[in-house]
Amino acid sequence: MAIKINGTNTAAAPGITGDDTDTGLVYGTNQIDFSTGGTSRATIDSTGRLLLGTTDVGVSGVDNLIVNVPSGNGGMTIRSGNSNNGNVFFSDGTSGAAEYAGYLQYQHAQDVLVIGTSGSERMSIDSSGHLTVTGVQGASAGLYLIADQGDDNGDGWRINSNQDANDLTLANNTSGSYADKLTLTKEGNISVSGSGLSDKDLKDNIATVTTTALDKIKELVPKTFTWKKYDNNRTFTGFIAQDVESVLPILVNGTDGEKNMSLDYNGVLAYAVKAITELSAEVETLKTKVATLEAG
């Protein structure tokens, strides 16, 4: 196929073509256009920007490559082998880790999407949807949830997997610094900096327990047990939800057989306090009777 230099120089009739007279190069003022089928498809302008499907530049600083689709969906595809990686690198140097200081990488062999900063993997999403956040060596890994950014200093939470201690902490941003509110240790112990909410302004349908409690508390049988899911070498003391349901069903949630039954231990405490007041009343009555008998 011969290369032709034409007297015209438009998208419909490019200055340099092959046998197809409406496909070729169009030379403009300090720019080159690539035309196919009589339409400009790509432009390299005077600053070296590559514009695909448009001649309009974008926002300054992020317009070195622009891909424009006038209608319908558009995008860019990076295709690599099923045992290789597809990469987008953000570089601030020409050697070493500076060439990939930040990066997006899809690892086809494992079907994992990786996000890297400072030349190292920091977050990944695998084919099962699992999200992994990786801290730098010798430091904790954290997830920050920020609301109203810039509005004030009190609208942030941090979830930390702490180095060495291997515990999990939930911290709140208080006046510009994070303070731990809850800690879950590797042994499964929980510590909380506050106490359980019980503000009446947060509750509806408040009523005094008027039913007798002593007879019900007497029916509860404390048990010792181990959890099937956790360390069977540790013995716990408490109640069985199914046992309590037959006595105080109001304190139990879930369905027997579904392995989801739970027990309101604060409710058990409330009924225990009620039982103590009933028992105290009985004791006072007996004390009065004894005193009367002794006086007679």
Protein backbone atom coordinates (compact mmCIF):
# COMPACT_ATOMS: atom_id res chain seq x y z
CA MET A 1 0.00 0.00 0.00
CA ALA A 2 1.44 3.36 -1.03
CA ILE A 3 1.62 6.33 1.32
CA LYS A 4 0.08 9.41 -0.23
CA ILE A 5 0.64 13.05 0.59
CA ASN A 6 -2.48 14.95 -0.35
CA GLY A 7 -3.19 18.58 -0.95
CA THR A 8 -6.03 18.51 1.58
CA ASN A 9 -5.61 18.30 5.36
CA THR A 10 -8.95 17.64 7.12
CA ALA A 11 -10.44 14.74 9.08
CA ALA A 12 -12.46 13.77 6.01
CA ALA A 13 -9.44 14.10 3.72
CA PRO A 14 -6.22 13.73 5.76
CA GLY A 15 -2.94 15.11 4.51
CA ILE A 16 -1.21 11.72 4.69
CA THR A 17 -3.18 8.57 3.80
CA GLY A 18 -2.90 5.16 2.29
CA ASP A 19 -5.33 3.84 -0.28
CA ASP A 20 -8.22 4.80 2.01
CA THR A 21 -8.48 8.52 1.43
CA ASP A 22 -10.47 9.34 4.58
CA THR A 23 -8.11 7.56 6.99
CA GLY A 24 -4.74 9.03 7.90
CA LEU A 25 -2.85 11.86 9.60
CA VAL A 26 -3.99 15.44 9.81
CA TYR A 27 -1.36 18.04 10.64
CA GLY A 28 -2.64 21.08 12.47
CA THR A 29 -0.97 23.96 14.28
CA ASN A 30 1.40 22.25 16.72
CA GLN A 31 -0.75 19.11 16.81
CA ILE A 32 -1.41 15.87 14.98
CA ASP A 33 -4.83 14.25 14.51
CA PHE A 34 -5.45 10.63 13.63
CA SER A 35 -8.51 10.19 11.43
CA THR A 36 -10.44 7.04 10.48
CA GLY A 37 -13.50 6.93 8.28
CA GLY A 38 -13.40 10.69 7.92
CA THR A 39 -13.64 11.34 11.67
CA SER A 40 -10.91 12.48 14.03
CA ARG A 41 -10.27 9.71 16.56
CA ALA A 42 -7.16 10.85 18.44
CA THR A 43 -5.15 14.02 18.89
CA ILE A 44 -1.65 14.75 20.17
CA ASP A 45 -1.65 18.44 21.01
CA SER A 46 1.13 20.99 21.45
CA THR A 47 1.75 20.00 25.10
CA GLY A 48 1.95 16.27 24.30
CA ARG A 49 -1.48 15.42 25.66
CA LEU A 50 -3.20 12.43 24.06
CA LEU A 51 -6.90 13.02 23.49
CA LEU A 52 -8.98 10.04 22.37
CA GLY A 53 -12.39 10.76 20.89
CA THR A 54 -12.24 14.46 21.73
CA THR A 55 -10.28 17.64 21.23
CA ASP A 56 -11.46 19.15 24.52
CA VAL A 57 -8.95 19.09 27.34
CA GLY A 58 -9.92 18.18 30.88
CA VAL A 59 -9.06 19.53 34.32
CA SER A 60 -5.55 20.90 34.47
CA GLY A 61 -3.09 18.45 35.94
CA VAL A 62 -5.13 15.34 35.11
CA ASP A 63 -5.55 15.77 31.35
CA ASN A 64 -2.44 14.11 29.90
CA LEU A 65 -4.65 11.28 28.65
CA ILE A 66 -8.35 11.77 28.02
CA VAL A 67 -10.68 9.05 26.76
CA ASN A 68 -14.02 10.37 25.57
CA VAL A 69 -17.11 8.34 24.61
CA PRO A 70 -19.80 10.71 23.32
CA SER A 71 -22.65 8.33 24.18
CA GLY A 72 -23.13 5.00 25.91
CA ASN A 73 -20.67 3.32 28.25
CA GLY A 74 -16.92 3.80 27.92
CA GLY A 75 -13.75 2.70 29.57
CA MET A 76 -10.26 1.32 29.29
CA THR A 77 -9.17 -2.33 29.40
CA ILE A 78 -5.83 -3.77 30.49
CA ARG A 79 -5.65 -7.37 29.29
CA SER A 80 -2.97 -9.76 30.51
CA GLY A 81 -2.48 -13.52 30.80
CA ASN A 82 -4.46 -15.58 33.29
CA SER A 83 -1.32 -16.16 35.35
CA ASN A 84 0.01 -12.61 35.05
CA ASN A 85 -0.73 -9.21 36.52
CA GLY A 86 -2.40 -6.12 35.09
CA ASN A 87 -0.88 -2.93 36.50
CA VAL A 88 -1.37 0.80 36.76
CA PHE A 89 1.67 2.46 38.38
CA PHE A 90 1.98 5.92 39.92
CA SER A 91 5.65 6.88 39.75
CA ASP A 92 7.74 9.73 41.11
CA GLY A 93 11.12 8.40 39.99
CA THR A 94 12.91 6.34 37.36
CA SER A 95 14.39 3.54 39.47
CA GLY A 96 13.53 1.20 42.34
CA ALA A 97 10.30 1.47 44.28
CA ALA A 98 9.89 5.08 43.12
CA GLU A 99 8.75 3.67 39.78
CA TYR A 100 5.69 2.16 41.48
CA ALA A 101 5.26 4.33 44.59
CA GLY A 102 1.52 3.87 44.26
CA TYR A 103 -0.18 1.20 42.18
CA LEU A 104 -3.29 -0.72 41.26
CA GLN A 105 -2.63 -4.35 40.39
CA TYR A 106 -4.92 -7.17 39.40
CA GLN A 107 -3.32 -10.56 40.04
CA HIS A 108 -5.07 -12.92 37.64
CA ALA A 109 -3.54 -16.09 39.07
CA GLN A 110 -5.21 -15.47 42.45
CA ASP A 111 -8.03 -13.16 41.22
CA VAL A 112 -6.99 -10.49 43.72
CA LEU A 113 -7.14 -6.71 43.30
CA VAL A 114 -4.28 -4.98 45.14
CA ILE A 115 -3.79 -1.33 46.09
CA GLY A 116 -0.25 -0.27 47.00
CA THR A 117 1.31 2.84 48.52
CA SER A 118 5.00 3.63 49.11
CA GLY A 119 5.82 0.69 46.85
CA SER A 120 4.13 -1.92 49.08
CA GLU A 121 0.76 -3.66 49.21
CA ARG A 122 -1.63 -1.94 51.60
CA MET A 123 -5.08 -3.26 50.69
CA SER A 124 -6.52 -6.13 48.67
CA ILE A 125 -9.88 -7.59 47.69
CA ASP A 126 -10.00 -11.29 46.79
CA SER A 127 -12.44 -13.24 44.64
CA SER A 128 -14.63 -13.99 47.67
CA GLY A 129 -15.01 -10.28 48.43
CA HIS A 130 -12.71 -10.37 51.46
CA LEU A 131 -11.08 -6.99 52.14
CA THR A 132 -7.61 -7.04 53.71
CA VAL A 133 -5.86 -3.94 55.07
CA THR A 134 -2.12 -4.39 55.67
CA GLY A 135 -0.06 -2.08 57.90
CA VAL A 136 3.60 -1.30 57.43
CA GLN A 137 6.09 -3.59 59.13
CA GLY A 138 6.25 -2.92 62.85
CA ALA A 139 3.03 -0.91 62.94
CA SER A 140 -0.71 -1.43 63.39
CA ALA A 141 -3.26 -1.66 60.59
CA GLY A 142 -6.27 0.64 60.82
CA LEU A 143 -9.54 1.48 59.13
CA TYR A 144 -10.80 5.04 59.55
CA LEU A 145 -14.44 6.11 59.20
CA ILE A 146 -14.67 9.89 58.92
CA ALA A 147 -17.91 11.87 58.83
CA ASP A 148 -18.17 15.60 58.08
CA GLN A 149 -14.50 15.83 57.16
CA GLY A 150 -13.15 19.27 57.97
CA ASP A 151 -16.29 20.22 59.92
CA ASP A 152 -14.91 19.45 63.37
CA ASN A 153 -12.64 17.04 65.22
CA GLY A 154 -15.21 14.71 66.76
CA ASP A 155 -16.73 12.77 63.88
CA GLY A 156 -14.31 9.92 63.30
CA TRP A 157 -13.87 6.32 64.35
CA ARG A 158 -10.83 4.06 63.95
CA ILE A 159 -10.74 0.26 63.94
CA ASN A 160 -7.22 -0.94 64.69
CA SER A 161 -5.51 -4.32 64.55
CA ASN A 162 -2.66 -3.60 66.93
CA GLN A 163 0.86 -4.79 66.37
CA ASP A 164 2.47 -7.20 68.89
CA ALA A 165 -0.54 -7.17 71.27
CA ASN A 166 -2.65 -8.62 68.42
CA ASP A 167 -5.79 -7.08 69.86
CA LEU A 168 -8.57 -5.14 68.17
CA THR A 169 -9.49 -1.65 69.31
CA LEU A 170 -12.33 0.70 68.44
CA ALA A 171 -11.40 4.34 69.01
CA ASN A 172 -13.24 7.65 68.70
CA ASN A 173 -11.74 10.93 67.54
CA THR A 174 -12.02 13.30 70.49
CA SER A 175 -10.81 16.87 69.94
CA GLY A 176 -8.36 15.83 67.26
CA SER A 177 -6.95 12.67 68.84
CA TYR A 178 -8.19 9.09 68.99
CA ALA A 179 -9.04 7.46 72.31
CA ASP A 180 -9.77 3.73 72.63
CA LYS A 181 -13.36 2.97 73.60
CA LEU A 182 -13.42 -0.82 73.20
CA THR A 183 -10.68 -3.45 73.17
CA LEU A 184 -11.03 -7.09 72.13
CA THR A 185 -7.95 -9.10 73.12
CA LYS A 186 -6.61 -12.14 71.31
CA GLU A 187 -7.89 -14.24 74.23
CA GLY A 188 -11.45 -13.07 73.53
CA ASN A 189 -11.71 -10.68 76.49
CA ILE A 190 -13.53 -7.37 76.04
CA SER A 191 -12.93 -4.12 77.87
CA VAL A 192 -15.09 -1.03 77.40
CA SER A 193 -14.19 2.47 78.57
CA GLY A 194 -17.81 3.43 79.24
CA SER A 195 -20.88 1.69 80.67
CA GLY A 196 -24.14 0.37 79.27
CA LEU A 197 -26.60 3.01 78.09
CA SER A 198 -29.72 3.22 80.27
CA ASP A 199 -30.97 6.77 79.72
CA LYS A 200 -34.75 7.01 80.09
CA ASP A 201 -34.80 9.48 77.18
CA LEU A 202 -33.73 6.62 74.93
CA LYS A 203 -36.51 4.30 76.04
CA ASP A 204 -40.23 3.86 75.46
CA ASN A 205 -42.88 1.72 77.19
CA ILE A 206 -41.17 1.94 80.59
CA ALA A 207 -42.99 -0.11 83.25
CA THR A 208 -42.18 -1.48 86.69
CA VAL A 209 -41.84 -5.26 86.94
CA THR A 210 -44.87 -6.22 88.97
CA THR A 211 -44.80 -9.99 88.56
CA THR A 212 -43.19 -12.05 91.28
CA ALA A 213 -39.53 -12.76 90.62
CA LEU A 214 -38.29 -14.88 93.52
CA ASP A 215 -40.18 -17.97 92.37
CA LYS A 216 -38.76 -17.55 88.85
CA ILE A 217 -35.18 -16.91 89.93
CA LYS A 218 -35.37 -20.04 92.09
CA GLU A 219 -36.13 -22.05 88.94
CA LEU A 220 -33.03 -20.86 87.11
CA VAL A 221 -30.16 -23.32 87.32
CA PRO A 222 -26.65 -21.92 86.77
CA LYS A 223 -24.55 -24.14 84.51
CA THR A 224 -20.90 -24.52 83.59
CA PHE A 225 -20.03 -25.14 79.94
CA THR A 226 -17.50 -24.78 77.14
CA TRP A 227 -18.17 -23.19 73.76
CA LYS A 228 -17.99 -25.54 70.78
CA LYS A 229 -16.71 -22.77 68.51
CA TYR A 230 -13.96 -21.55 70.81
CA ASP A 231 -11.29 -22.90 73.15
CA ASN A 232 -12.84 -25.96 74.83
CA ASN A 233 -10.21 -25.85 77.55
CA ARG A 234 -11.88 -22.83 79.13
CA THR A 235 -14.97 -23.36 81.27
CA PHE A 236 -17.65 -20.67 81.50
CA THR A 237 -20.46 -20.18 84.00
CA GLY A 238 -23.89 -18.89 83.07
CA PHE A 239 -27.30 -20.01 81.88
CA ILE A 240 -28.70 -21.93 78.92
CA ALA A 241 -31.11 -19.85 76.85
CA GLN A 242 -33.51 -22.77 76.32
CA ASP A 243 -33.69 -23.33 80.10
CA VAL A 244 -34.44 -19.67 80.81
CA GLU A 245 -37.05 -19.50 78.04
CA SER A 246 -39.35 -21.85 79.93
CA VAL A 247 -39.17 -19.57 82.99
CA LEU A 248 -38.68 -16.04 81.67
CA PRO A 249 -39.37 -16.09 77.92
CA ILE A 250 -39.22 -12.28 77.79
CA LEU A 251 -35.46 -12.50 78.28
CA VAL A 252 -34.78 -14.90 75.38
CA ASN A 253 -34.52 -14.32 71.64
CA GLY A 254 -34.01 -16.76 68.78
CA THR A 255 -35.37 -20.14 67.76
CA ASP A 256 -34.44 -23.45 69.29
CA GLY A 257 -32.62 -25.62 66.77
CA GLU A 258 -31.29 -22.65 64.76
CA LYS A 259 -28.22 -22.11 66.99
CA ASN A 260 -29.12 -18.45 67.41
CA MET A 261 -30.75 -18.23 70.84
CA SER A 262 -29.56 -15.34 73.01
CA LEU A 263 -30.15 -14.31 76.60
CA ASP A 264 -30.58 -10.83 78.07
CA TYR A 265 -28.27 -11.07 81.09
CA ASN A 266 -29.19 -7.52 82.18
CA GLY A 267 -32.77 -8.75 82.36
CA VAL A 268 -31.69 -11.67 84.55
CA LEU A 269 -29.98 -9.15 86.85
CA ALA A 270 -33.14 -7.03 87.03
CA TYR A 271 -35.27 -10.02 88.01
CA ALA A 272 -32.61 -11.05 90.54
CA VAL A 273 -32.80 -7.59 92.14
CA LYS A 274 -36.60 -7.88 92.23
CA ALA A 275 -36.25 -11.31 93.85
CA ILE A 276 -33.92 -9.86 96.48
CA THR A 277 -36.47 -7.17 97.37
CA GLU A 278 -39.16 -9.83 97.69
CA LEU A 279 -36.88 -11.96 99.84
CA SER A 280 -35.99 -8.93 101.93
CA ALA A 281 -39.68 -8.23 102.51
CA GLU A 282 -40.20 -11.82 103.64
CA VAL A 283 -37.23 -11.56 106.00
CA GLU A 284 -38.59 -8.34 107.50
CA THR A 285 -41.98 -10.03 108.01
CA LEU A 286 -40.33 -12.97 109.76
CA LYS A 287 -38.23 -10.65 111.91
CA THR A 288 -41.41 -8.87 113.00
CA LYS A 289 -43.09 -12.17 113.86
CA VAL A 290 -40.04 -13.38 115.79
CA ALA A 291 -39.88 -10.13 117.69
CA THR A 292 -43.57 -10.44 118.58
CA LEU A 293 -43.12 -14.02 119.80
CA GLU A 294 -40.09 -13.09 121.88
CA ALA A 295 -41.95 -10.17 123.39
CA GLY A 296 -44.92 -12.39 124.35
